[in-house]
Structures are given as structure tokens and as C-alpha cells.
Protein backbone atom coordinates (compact mmCIF):
# COMPACT_ATOMS: atom_id res chain seq x y z
CA UNK A 1 16.89 10.55 -1.00
CA UNK A 2 19.06 9.07 1.72
CA UNK A 3 17.63 5.84 3.03
CA UNK A 4 16.27 4.69 -0.35
CA UNK A 5 18.20 1.47 0.18
CA UNK A 6 15.67 0.51 2.86
CA UNK A 7 12.80 1.01 0.40
CA UNK A 8 14.56 -1.13 -2.20
CA UNK A 9 15.36 -3.79 0.39
CA UNK A 10 11.75 -3.80 1.58
CA UNK A 11 10.46 -4.19 -1.98
CA UNK A 12 12.88 -7.07 -2.59
CA UNK A 13 11.73 -8.83 0.59
CA UNK A 14 8.06 -8.32 -0.27
CA UNK A 15 8.51 -9.76 -3.77
CA UNK A 16 10.49 -12.70 -2.40
CA UNK A 17 7.74 -13.50 0.12
CA UNK A 18 5.06 -13.24 -2.56
CA UNK A 19 6.92 -15.36 -5.10
CA UNK A 20 7.77 -17.93 -2.45
CA UNK A 21 4.18 -17.93 -1.15
CA UNK A 22 5.48 -17.79 2.40
CA UNK A 23 2.69 -18.98 4.72
CA UNK A 24 0.77 -16.34 6.67
CA UNK A 25 2.52 -13.32 5.12
CA UNK A 26 1.44 -14.02 1.54
CA UNK A 27 -2.02 -15.06 2.74
CA UNK A 28 -2.37 -11.88 4.77
CA UNK A 29 -1.56 -9.72 1.74
CA UNK A 30 -4.02 -11.72 -0.39
CA UNK A 31 -6.73 -11.30 2.25
CA UNK A 32 -6.03 -7.56 2.48
CA UNK A 33 -6.46 -7.00 -1.25
CA UNK A 34 -9.53 -9.28 -1.43
CA UNK A 35 -11.15 -7.54 1.54
CA UNK A 36 -10.61 -4.10 0.04
CA UNK A 37 -12.23 -5.24 -3.21
CA UNK A 38 -15.15 -6.81 -1.35
CA UNK A 39 -15.73 -3.54 0.52
CA UNK A 40 -15.89 -1.60 -2.75
CA UNK A 41 -18.12 -4.27 -4.29
CA UNK A 42 -20.47 -4.24 -1.31
CA UNK A 43 -20.70 -0.46 -1.45
CA UNK A 44 -21.55 -0.67 -5.14
CA UNK A 45 -24.18 -3.33 -4.49
CA UNK A 46 -25.78 -1.23 -1.75
CA UNK A 47 -25.90 1.74 -4.09
CA UNK A 48 -27.47 -0.39 -6.80
CA UNK A 49 -30.23 -1.58 -4.48
CA UNK A 50 -31.01 1.95 -3.37
CA UNK A 51 -30.87 3.97 -6.61
CA UNK A 52 -30.61 1.73 -9.63
CA UNK A 53 -32.36 -1.58 -10.13
CA UNK A 54 -31.99 -1.70 -13.92
CA UNK A 55 -30.88 0.20 -16.99
CA UNK A 56 -27.79 2.18 -17.86
CA UNK A 57 -27.33 3.61 -14.36
CA UNK A 58 -27.06 0.12 -12.92
CA UNK A 59 -24.48 -0.83 -15.53
CA UNK A 60 -22.52 2.35 -14.84
CA UNK A 61 -22.40 1.72 -11.09
CA UNK A 62 -21.45 -1.91 -11.62
CA UNK A 63 -18.66 -0.93 -13.99
CA UNK A 64 -17.30 1.80 -11.74
CA UNK A 65 -17.35 -0.40 -8.65
CA UNK A 66 -15.52 -3.15 -10.55
CA UNK A 67 -12.81 -0.76 -11.77
CA UNK A 68 -12.44 0.89 -8.36
CA UNK A 69 -12.22 -2.52 -6.72
CA UNK A 70 -9.33 -3.43 -9.01
CA UNK A 71 -7.58 -0.14 -8.25
CA UNK A 72 -7.88 -0.26 -4.46
CA UNK A 73 -4.98 -2.71 -3.83
CA UNK A 74 -2.65 -0.61 -5.99
CA UNK A 75 -3.70 2.59 -4.29
CA UNK A 76 -3.10 0.92 -0.92
CA UNK A 77 0.41 -0.06 -2.01
CA UNK A 78 1.02 3.47 -3.29
CA UNK A 79 -0.03 4.98 0.04
CA UNK A 80 2.24 2.55 1.90
CA UNK A 81 5.24 3.58 -0.21
CA UNK A 82 4.36 7.26 0.21
CA UNK A 83 4.21 6.75 3.98
CA UNK A 84 7.57 4.96 3.92
CA UNK A 85 9.15 7.85 2.02
CA UNK A 86 7.61 10.35 4.41
CA UNK A 87 9.08 8.61 7.43
CA UNK A 88 12.52 8.79 5.83
CA UNK A 89 12.07 12.51 5.20
CA UNK A 90 10.86 13.17 8.74
CA UNK A 91 13.33 11.06 10.68
CA UNK A 92 16.09 13.70 10.61
CA UNK A 93 13.63 16.40 11.66
CA UNK A 94 12.33 14.28 14.53
CA UNK A 95 15.88 13.47 15.61
CA UNK A 96 16.86 17.15 15.59
CA UNK A 97 13.76 18.10 17.58
CA UNK A 98 14.58 15.50 20.23
CA UNK A 99 18.18 16.75 20.41
CA UNK A 100 17.12 20.41 20.65
CA UNK A 101 14.75 19.56 23.50
CA UNK A 102 17.62 17.86 25.28
CA UNK A 103 19.94 20.84 24.79
CA UNK A 104 17.21 23.16 26.04
CA UNK A 105 17.38 21.35 29.37
CA UNK A 106 20.47 23.43 30.19
CA UNK A 107 18.09 26.33 30.75
CA UNK A 108 16.18 24.75 33.62
CA UNK A 109 18.21 21.81 34.95
CA UNK A 110 21.40 21.63 36.94
CA UNK A 111 24.53 21.26 34.83
CA UNK A 112 25.06 17.61 35.68
CA UNK A 113 21.45 16.63 35.02
CA UNK A 114 21.42 18.65 31.80
CA UNK A 115 24.43 16.78 30.45
CA UNK A 116 22.72 13.46 31.17
CA UNK A 117 19.56 14.71 29.47
CA UNK A 118 21.52 15.80 26.40
CA UNK A 119 23.24 12.42 26.19
CA UNK A 120 19.89 10.67 26.49
CA UNK A 121 18.38 12.93 23.80
CA UNK A 122 21.41 12.32 21.56
CA UNK A 123 20.96 8.56 21.93
CA UNK A 124 17.23 8.81 21.24
CA UNK A 125 17.84 10.98 18.17
CA UNK A 126 20.39 8.50 16.85
CA UNK A 127 17.93 5.64 17.33
CA UNK A 128 15.22 7.59 15.49
CA UNK A 129 17.51 8.30 12.54
CA UNK A 130 19.00 4.81 12.29
CA UNK A 131 15.97 2.68 13.12
CA UNK A 132 13.38 4.39 10.92
CA UNK A 133 14.71 2.75 7.77
CA UNK A 134 14.81 -0.90 8.83
CA UNK A 135 11.92 -0.80 11.32
CA UNK A 136 9.42 1.47 9.55
CA UNK A 137 10.23 2.28 5.92
CA UNK A 138 11.39 -1.20 4.88
CA UNK A 139 8.35 -3.06 6.30
CA UNK A 140 5.95 -0.59 4.66
CA UNK A 141 7.68 -1.01 1.30
CA UNK A 142 7.73 -4.80 1.77
CA UNK A 143 3.97 -4.87 2.39
CA UNK A 144 3.35 -2.74 -0.71
CA UNK A 145 5.47 -5.07 -2.87
CA UNK A 146 3.81 -8.13 -1.34
CA UNK A 147 0.35 -6.81 -2.19
CA UNK A 148 1.42 -6.27 -5.80
CA UNK A 149 3.05 -9.69 -6.06
CA UNK A 150 -0.05 -11.41 -4.71
CA UNK A 151 -2.66 -9.29 -6.49
CA UNK A 152 -1.55 -8.64 -10.08
CA UNK A 153 -0.90 -12.23 -11.23
CA UNK A 154 -4.33 -13.32 -10.03
CA UNK A 155 -6.01 -10.91 -12.42
CA UNK A 156 -5.23 -13.28 -15.28
CA UNK A 157 -4.68 -16.59 -13.49
CA UNK A 158 -7.06 -16.70 -10.52
CA UNK A 159 -10.31 -17.82 -12.07
CA UNK A 160 -12.02 -18.07 -8.70
CA UNK A 161 -10.47 -14.96 -7.12
CA UNK A 162 -12.23 -11.79 -6.09
CA UNK A 163 -10.19 -9.92 -8.72
CA UNK A 164 -11.49 -12.18 -11.48
CA UNK A 165 -15.04 -11.65 -10.25
CA UNK A 166 -14.53 -7.91 -10.70
CA UNK A 167 -13.54 -8.47 -14.32
CA UNK A 168 -16.65 -10.60 -14.89
CA UNK A 169 -18.77 -7.84 -13.34
CA UNK A 170 -17.16 -5.23 -15.59
CA UNK A 171 -17.78 -7.37 -18.68
CA UNK A 172 -21.43 -7.72 -17.69
CA UNK A 173 -21.69 -3.95 -17.20
CA UNK A 174 -20.15 -3.27 -20.60
CA UNK A 175 -21.77 -5.97 -22.73
CA UNK A 176 -24.68 -7.25 -20.59
CA UNK A 177 -23.25 -10.79 -20.66
CA UNK A 178 -21.03 -12.67 -18.23
CA UNK A 179 -17.51 -13.32 -19.41
CA UNK A 180 -13.83 -12.60 -18.97
CA UNK A 181 -12.07 -12.49 -22.34
CA UNK A 182 -8.31 -12.35 -22.25
CA UNK A 183 -8.22 -8.89 -23.84
CA UNK A 184 -10.32 -7.46 -21.01
CA UNK A 185 -8.13 -9.18 -18.43
CA UNK A 186 -5.03 -7.65 -20.01
CA UNK A 187 -6.61 -4.19 -20.18
CA UNK A 188 -7.64 -4.32 -16.53
CA UNK A 189 -4.23 -5.71 -15.60
CA UNK A 190 -2.68 -2.62 -17.18
CA UNK A 191 -5.14 -0.33 -15.38
CA UNK A 192 -4.64 -2.04 -12.01
CA UNK A 193 -0.86 -1.85 -12.47
CA UNK A 194 -0.84 1.96 -12.80
CA UNK A 195 -0.75 2.77 -9.04
CA UNK A 196 1.83 0.02 -8.53
CA UNK A 197 3.96 1.60 -11.26
CA UNK A 198 3.68 5.00 -9.56
CA UNK A 199 4.69 3.39 -6.27
CA UNK A 200 7.71 1.78 -7.94
CA UNK A 201 8.71 5.15 -9.36
CA UNK A 202 8.55 6.67 -5.86
CA UNK A 203 10.85 3.93 -4.60
CA UNK A 204 13.56 4.48 -7.20
CA UNK A 205 13.19 8.26 -7.66
């Protein structure tokens, strides 16, 4: 796919920002992933209060909400990469449509005006084709990579993070005791990494 270089560049920038913990950008990505997990957790809690106060159904809802909460950041990153790829696919089509509209002006404008319209449409089409990569696709890919860089390491290192709380909740749902053994952290790290891995495959495919 032409334009993949912009996806790769965006991913590299996102990882660099995450590793360097650049103020504001890294914090924004962390807040985005934490907020998405809190939304899923709140939805699960509301469901628990309404339909399940105890027993196996409560444990099932707790476990599912914990797993879904850990998957949401990865799914968000996957959707961002998919959107970035889509913009690269559509940019040529959009550019051609703009150019065709400009050429069609010969049918209803004077010759001199039509030529100016075609030149304007040609310039607009060129901007669409050239600017989509650096201005749209690369930032989307960078945000996806930044989310992954901020989110995944905290699954095993952030003892006070929202992600770690999800693992504790899952352990309680499975074994009816609070805890976060390293084996469960590694298993959930692998599960949470699946959508990020799919996103990475979309970038390099």
C-alpha cells in the first residue's frame, strides 16, 4: 500500500513519545486508556447492582468487565490504525473526484473561468493526495502506538493503575480472593496485546 511509510513514521513517533514520557502527549494517551477502562468498569458495576448482587452471575460479569476493560485500549488503537489505512486508500479517490468536478466546469463555465477552476481543482487534489499521509494517517498511527506504549507496560508494572485494578478484579472473579499473581498479569498482558498485534500487522502489511 502506497503511503505505508507514513504509518510506520507515525508508529515510530508514538513509541518515541511514550518511551520518552513526553509531557502532555504521554499523559493524554494514559488518560484515554484509563478513561476507557473506567467506562467499561462503571458499566459492569451498574449491571451488577441491577441484576446480580452475589453468586456466579456476579463473578461472571466482574470477570467479563475486567477482560473487556483491558481490551478496550487495544481495540481503540486498532480502530485508529484501520482509520489511518482507510484515509490512505481514499485519498486518491477523493483527489480524482475533486479533479473530475473541476473538469466538469467546462460544461457550464466560460472557457477562461473553467481553466482557472480546473487549476484550482488540480491543486486541491494534489494537496489531498500529498497531505493525507503526514497530516492524517501519521498522527492516527502515532496515537495508536502511543496508547500501546503507555498501556501495555503498566499491566505488569503499574501497581496503582486502572489496568492493574482490572487484573485484581479478574482474580477476585475467578478465585473469590483479591490478588494479582504474576502468571495472571502475563496472561492478561498477552490477551491485551492481541489487538495491538493486529494493528501492527495492518501497519506493515
